[in-house]
Amino acid sequence: GDIVLLAKPVTLTEGDRVTLTTDVPVATDGTSKPEKLLYAVSLPPVHGQIEYINYPSVPISSYSQLDVVAQKVSDVHDNSHGAGKESLR
């Protein structure tokens, strides 16, 4: 079926860490199995990374809807001075 992705903007400033919740990325594909949805990080943050909370400092390139529901994924700003704000898209 069709895939629908709704995302609220998340803005991070120097040194911030934001745990992704279902309020940020929420997707459906028309099936009754949202646990099978996978997100791919096709454009990683310029000043930071997406990582699993249990494995800090290790960037990831994909994660599942179940990871988001369980609040296991975060967006971390790399503490770059002068980098300003960055938005997760």
Protein backbone atom coordinates (compact mmCIF):
# COMPACT_ATOMS: atom_id res chain seq x y z
CA GLY A 1 0.00 0.00 0.00
CA ASP A 2 0.88 3.65 0.07
CA ILE A 3 3.36 4.83 2.67
CA VAL A 4 2.47 7.94 4.66
CA LEU A 5 5.13 9.67 6.76
CA LEU A 6 4.28 12.52 9.09
CA ALA A 7 7.13 14.29 10.82
CA LYS A 8 7.21 17.20 13.19
CA PRO A 9 10.37 19.30 12.98
CA VAL A 10 12.94 18.72 15.71
CA THR A 11 15.53 21.44 16.20
CA LEU A 12 18.73 20.80 18.08
CA THR A 13 21.32 23.28 19.27
CA GLU A 14 24.91 22.71 20.29
CA GLY A 15 25.21 19.60 22.47
CA ASP A 16 21.50 18.68 22.42
CA ARG A 17 20.18 15.11 22.35
CA VAL A 18 16.57 14.40 21.38
CA THR A 19 14.97 10.99 21.79
CA LEU A 20 12.76 10.18 18.83
CA THR A 21 9.19 9.38 19.79
CA THR A 22 6.13 8.59 17.75
CA ASP A 23 5.33 12.33 17.84
CA VAL A 24 8.32 13.02 15.59
CA PRO A 25 8.37 10.40 12.85
CA VAL A 26 5.18 8.44 12.47
CA ALA A 27 4.60 6.30 9.41
CA THR A 28 1.94 3.95 8.13
CA ASP A 29 1.91 1.76 5.06
CA GLY A 30 -1.75 0.74 4.99
CA THR A 31 -1.11 -2.62 6.62
CA SER A 32 -1.78 -3.62 10.19
CA LYS A 33 1.94 -4.27 10.83
CA PRO A 34 3.62 -0.97 11.78
CA GLU A 35 6.29 -2.95 13.62
CA LYS A 36 7.72 -3.95 10.24
CA LEU A 37 8.33 -0.37 9.10
CA LEU A 38 11.97 0.62 8.72
CA TYR A 39 13.42 4.10 8.48
CA ALA A 40 16.58 4.74 6.44
CA VAL A 41 18.80 7.70 7.27
CA SER A 42 19.45 8.89 3.73
CA LEU A 43 20.69 12.35 4.72
CA PRO A 44 22.43 12.22 8.12
CA PRO A 45 22.57 15.35 10.25
CA VAL A 46 25.42 17.70 9.28
CA HIS A 47 26.36 18.44 12.89
CA GLY A 48 25.68 15.18 14.68
CA GLN A 49 24.23 11.76 14.14
CA ILE A 50 21.31 9.42 14.67
CA GLU A 51 22.22 6.71 17.18
CA TYR A 52 20.75 4.06 19.45
CA ILE A 53 20.56 5.31 23.04
CA ASN A 54 22.24 2.11 24.31
CA TYR A 55 25.16 2.58 21.88
CA PRO A 56 26.16 6.24 22.21
CA SER A 57 28.62 7.68 19.68
CA VAL A 58 27.85 4.96 17.12
CA PRO A 59 25.94 6.39 14.15
CA ILE A 60 23.21 4.27 12.59
CA SER A 61 21.83 4.29 9.07
CA SER A 62 18.46 2.66 9.78
CA TYR A 63 16.04 1.92 12.59
CA SER A 64 12.55 0.47 12.97
CA GLN A 65 9.18 1.82 14.05
CA LEU A 66 9.47 -0.48 17.08
CA ASP A 67 12.73 1.28 18.01
CA VAL A 68 10.89 4.61 17.91
CA VAL A 69 7.97 3.28 19.97
CA ALA A 70 10.44 1.93 22.55
CA GLN A 71 12.31 5.29 22.52
CA LYS A 72 15.63 3.64 21.64
CA VAL A 73 16.77 6.16 19.00
CA SER A 74 18.11 9.66 19.42
CA ASP A 75 19.38 12.54 17.32
CA VAL A 76 22.55 13.96 18.82
CA HIS A 77 24.17 17.31 17.99
CA ASP A 78 27.95 16.99 17.87
CA ASN A 79 28.72 20.05 20.01
CA SER A 80 30.22 21.97 17.07
CA HIS A 81 30.79 25.54 18.11
CA GLY A 82 29.12 27.99 15.80
CA ALA A 83 27.12 25.27 14.09
CA GLY A 84 23.89 26.83 15.25
CA LYS A 85 20.60 24.99 15.14
CA GLU A 86 19.97 21.93 13.03
CA SER A 87 16.65 20.33 12.16
CA LEU A 88 15.94 16.63 11.80
CA ARG A 89 14.17 15.89 8.51
